[in-house]
Amino acid sequence: MIRIVLVEDQAMVRGALVALLSLEHDLEVVGEAADSASAIAIARATTPDVVLVDIELPDANGIETVKVLAPELPATRFIMLTTFGRPGYLQAAIEAGATGFLLKDAPSEQLAQSIRRVHAGVRAIDPNLAVAALTLGPNPLTPRQRDVLRLTRIGHSVQVIASELSLSEGTVRNYLSEAIAATSAANRHDAVRVAESRGWLD
């Protein structure tokens, strides 16, 4: 049996996934979690073969959860589940240690096949998303550029961003200009939109 921990914050979706997986003769869900903290505790306690992790969790990004668990559980494989087909998410997930990346609207049989593939040591990645990620290339934004765009996204002014990050206003404007150029955007708000749509901010 392939032992699975499922991490999904929406109870109905989680229940449906558990029901689907229970129909497979060689798959067993040994733990369920609705947030990152619970997922880490359950995975440590059960040492599953595969962890299915939703990217959007209430207390942390699912990719960050994988970053914590992957070094601790080297025999465990990780598959990211997401509603959003953002190429940047795929790149970040692989860097974190995931070997699978699937969209939630994929056919249910694809999920079971992907679990078997990653358990066997083979990557299982949505092909359309893989092509998009290769076309876009790596995330062009530096960590600091991402910081200023995240704060821009929630409506902070240059002055507030400078205060939050302990930078001068001129430095913040430079980071914003660089981010606008890197995303080929028209302005800083457009840069946020582009970066978010490609999964470069999370």
Protein backbone atom coordinates (compact mmCIF):
# COMPACT_ATOMS: atom_id res chain seq x y z
CA MET A 1 0.00 0.00 0.00
CA ILE A 2 1.09 3.55 -0.75
CA ARG A 3 0.47 5.57 2.41
CA ILE A 4 -0.77 9.11 1.82
CA VAL A 5 -1.24 12.28 3.87
CA LEU A 6 -3.69 14.73 2.31
CA VAL A 7 -3.38 18.46 3.03
CA GLU A 8 -6.38 20.51 1.87
CA ASP A 9 -8.13 23.29 3.77
CA GLN A 10 -11.56 22.92 2.13
CA ALA A 11 -13.36 20.12 3.96
CA MET A 12 -15.62 19.15 1.06
CA VAL A 13 -12.73 18.94 -1.40
CA ARG A 14 -10.65 16.99 1.11
CA GLY A 15 -13.50 14.56 1.71
CA ALA A 16 -14.01 14.04 -2.03
CA LEU A 17 -10.31 13.35 -2.55
CA VAL A 18 -10.23 10.86 0.32
CA ALA A 19 -13.28 9.09 -1.15
CA LEU A 20 -11.67 8.93 -4.60
CA LEU A 21 -8.37 7.63 -3.31
CA SER A 22 -10.08 4.99 -1.14
CA LEU A 23 -11.43 3.39 -4.32
CA GLU A 24 -7.88 2.49 -5.37
CA HIS A 25 -6.70 -0.91 -4.15
CA ASP A 26 -3.11 0.20 -3.53
CA LEU A 27 -3.65 3.65 -1.98
CA GLU A 28 -4.39 4.42 1.69
CA VAL A 29 -4.95 7.85 3.26
CA VAL A 30 -3.26 7.67 6.68
CA GLY A 31 -3.69 11.32 7.64
CA GLU A 32 -5.61 14.49 6.78
CA ALA A 33 -4.76 18.12 7.53
CA ALA A 34 -6.47 21.43 6.88
CA ASP A 35 -3.44 23.68 7.43
CA SER A 36 0.33 23.72 7.27
CA ALA A 37 1.00 23.32 11.00
CA SER A 38 -1.21 20.22 11.21
CA ALA A 39 0.29 18.83 8.01
CA ILE A 40 3.82 19.08 9.38
CA ALA A 41 2.83 17.38 12.64
CA ILE A 42 0.89 14.58 10.93
CA ALA A 43 3.59 13.93 8.32
CA ARG A 44 6.24 13.73 11.03
CA ALA A 45 4.09 11.29 13.02
CA THR A 46 3.08 9.02 10.12
CA THR A 47 6.10 9.26 7.75
CA PRO A 48 3.90 8.65 4.70
CA ASP A 49 5.05 7.58 1.25
CA VAL A 50 3.35 10.53 -0.44
CA VAL A 51 2.02 13.88 0.78
CA LEU A 52 -0.57 15.70 -1.34
CA VAL A 53 -0.36 19.41 -0.51
CA ASP A 54 -2.67 22.22 -1.60
CA ILE A 55 -0.67 25.36 -2.38
CA GLU A 56 -3.25 27.72 -0.85
CA LEU A 57 -3.41 26.98 2.89
CA PRO A 58 -4.82 29.28 5.58
CA ASP A 59 -1.66 29.56 7.67
CA ALA A 60 1.15 29.16 5.12
CA ASN A 61 1.91 28.57 1.48
CA GLY A 62 1.95 24.83 0.71
CA ILE A 63 5.34 25.20 -0.94
CA GLU A 64 6.76 26.43 2.37
CA THR A 65 5.30 23.31 4.01
CA VAL A 66 7.21 21.13 1.57
CA LYS A 67 10.39 23.11 2.24
CA VAL A 68 10.09 22.18 5.92
CA LEU A 69 9.21 18.51 5.43
CA ALA A 70 11.32 17.46 2.43
CA PRO A 71 14.69 17.56 4.26
CA GLU A 72 13.21 15.78 7.30
CA LEU A 73 11.47 13.03 5.33
CA PRO A 74 13.81 12.10 2.47
CA ALA A 75 11.85 8.94 1.60
CA THR A 76 8.56 10.85 1.28
CA ARG A 77 7.42 12.23 -2.07
CA PHE A 78 5.42 15.45 -2.39
CA ILE A 79 2.71 16.39 -4.90
CA MET A 80 1.37 19.94 -5.06
CA LEU A 81 -2.31 20.46 -5.83
CA THR A 82 -3.54 23.83 -7.02
CA THR A 83 -6.48 25.59 -8.60
CA PHE A 84 -4.10 28.07 -10.19
CA GLY A 85 -1.94 27.00 -13.12
CA ARG A 86 0.84 29.48 -12.45
CA PRO A 87 4.23 28.51 -13.91
CA GLY A 88 6.12 30.25 -11.10
CA TYR A 89 4.40 27.99 -8.58
CA LEU A 90 5.70 24.96 -10.45
CA GLN A 91 9.26 26.25 -10.41
CA ALA A 92 9.10 27.10 -6.71
CA ALA A 93 7.53 23.74 -5.84
CA ILE A 94 10.26 21.77 -7.60
CA GLU A 95 12.94 23.87 -5.89
CA ALA A 96 11.25 23.12 -2.55
CA GLY A 97 11.37 19.37 -3.14
CA ALA A 98 8.08 18.45 -4.82
CA THR A 99 8.14 15.80 -7.55
CA GLY A 100 4.51 16.19 -8.60
CA PHE A 101 2.38 19.18 -9.56
CA LEU A 102 -1.27 18.82 -10.56
CA LEU A 103 -4.22 21.09 -11.19
CA LYS A 104 -7.33 20.31 -9.15
CA ASP A 105 -9.47 20.09 -12.26
CA ALA A 106 -7.39 17.20 -13.64
CA PRO A 107 -9.23 13.87 -14.10
CA SER A 108 -9.38 11.79 -10.91
CA GLU A 109 -7.55 8.86 -12.54
CA GLN A 110 -4.64 11.21 -13.24
CA LEU A 111 -4.25 11.84 -9.51
CA ALA A 112 -3.97 8.12 -8.68
CA GLN A 113 -1.53 7.57 -11.54
CA SER A 114 0.56 10.53 -10.41
CA ILE A 115 0.76 9.20 -6.85
CA ARG A 116 2.05 5.88 -8.18
CA ARG A 117 4.54 7.65 -10.44
CA VAL A 118 6.09 9.84 -7.75
CA HIS A 119 6.17 6.88 -5.34
CA ALA A 120 8.20 5.06 -7.99
CA GLY A 121 10.61 8.00 -8.21
CA VAL A 122 9.24 9.57 -11.40
CA ARG A 123 8.06 13.16 -11.69
CA ALA A 124 4.38 13.79 -12.38
CA ILE A 125 3.77 17.31 -13.67
CA ASP A 126 0.81 18.73 -15.57
CA PRO A 127 2.19 18.83 -19.15
CA ASN A 128 0.62 22.17 -20.14
CA LEU A 129 2.00 23.83 -17.04
CA ALA A 130 5.44 22.34 -17.66
CA VAL A 131 5.48 23.84 -21.16
CA ALA A 132 4.39 27.23 -19.82
CA ALA A 133 7.11 27.16 -17.15
CA LEU A 134 9.78 26.30 -19.71
CA THR A 135 8.55 29.07 -22.01
CA LEU A 136 8.59 31.71 -19.29
CA GLY A 137 11.89 30.66 -17.78
CA PRO A 138 12.90 31.22 -14.16
CA ASN A 139 11.43 33.88 -11.89
CA PRO A 140 13.16 37.14 -12.92
CA LEU A 141 12.37 38.95 -9.66
CA THR A 142 14.88 39.20 -6.83
CA PRO A 143 13.70 38.54 -3.25
CA ARG A 144 13.69 42.29 -2.53
CA GLN A 145 11.71 43.08 -5.67
CA ARG A 146 9.16 40.46 -4.62
CA ASP A 147 9.00 42.06 -1.16
CA VAL A 148 8.13 45.50 -2.52
CA LEU A 149 5.57 44.06 -4.95
CA ARG A 150 3.87 42.08 -2.19
CA LEU A 151 3.50 45.26 -0.14
CA THR A 152 2.30 47.13 -3.23
CA ARG A 153 -0.28 44.39 -3.75
CA ILE A 154 -1.91 45.14 -0.39
CA GLY A 155 -2.04 48.87 -1.14
CA HIS A 156 1.00 50.25 0.68
CA SER A 157 2.56 53.49 -0.55
CA VAL A 158 6.26 53.90 -1.27
CA GLN A 159 6.64 55.65 2.08
CA VAL A 160 5.03 52.79 4.00
CA ILE A 161 6.99 50.16 2.08
CA ALA A 162 10.23 51.98 2.88
CA SER A 163 9.31 52.02 6.57
CA GLU A 164 8.26 48.34 6.59
CA LEU A 165 11.47 47.16 4.92
CA SER A 166 13.83 49.67 6.57
CA LEU A 167 14.83 51.09 3.21
CA SER A 168 14.98 54.60 1.81
CA GLU A 169 12.13 55.72 -0.43
CA GLY A 170 14.60 56.07 -3.30
CA THR A 171 15.70 52.47 -2.90
CA VAL A 172 12.09 51.28 -2.88
CA ARG A 173 11.43 53.23 -6.10
CA ASN A 174 14.51 51.62 -7.67
CA TYR A 175 13.25 48.14 -6.73
CA LEU A 176 9.84 48.97 -8.17
CA SER A 177 11.38 50.25 -11.41
CA GLU A 178 13.48 47.10 -11.71
CA ALA A 179 10.42 44.93 -11.06
CA ILE A 180 8.41 46.82 -13.70
CA ALA A 181 11.21 46.24 -16.23
CA ALA A 182 11.61 42.57 -15.26
CA THR A 183 7.91 41.89 -15.77
CA SER A 184 7.59 44.10 -18.88
CA ALA A 185 4.78 45.92 -17.07
CA ALA A 186 3.36 49.39 -17.59
CA ASN A 187 3.55 50.43 -13.93
CA ARG A 188 3.97 48.96 -10.46
CA HIS A 189 0.36 47.81 -10.18
CA ASP A 190 0.62 46.11 -13.56
CA ALA A 191 3.87 44.50 -12.35
CA VAL A 192 1.97 43.06 -9.38
CA ARG A 193 -0.71 41.70 -11.72
CA VAL A 194 1.83 40.07 -14.06
CA ALA A 195 3.94 38.62 -11.24
CA GLU A 196 0.89 37.25 -9.44
CA SER A 197 -0.57 35.66 -12.56
CA ARG A 198 2.70 33.81 -13.14
CA GLY A 199 3.15 32.70 -9.55
CA TRP A 200 6.25 34.82 -8.98
CA LEU A 201 5.19 36.44 -5.71
CA ASP A 202 4.37 33.42 -3.52
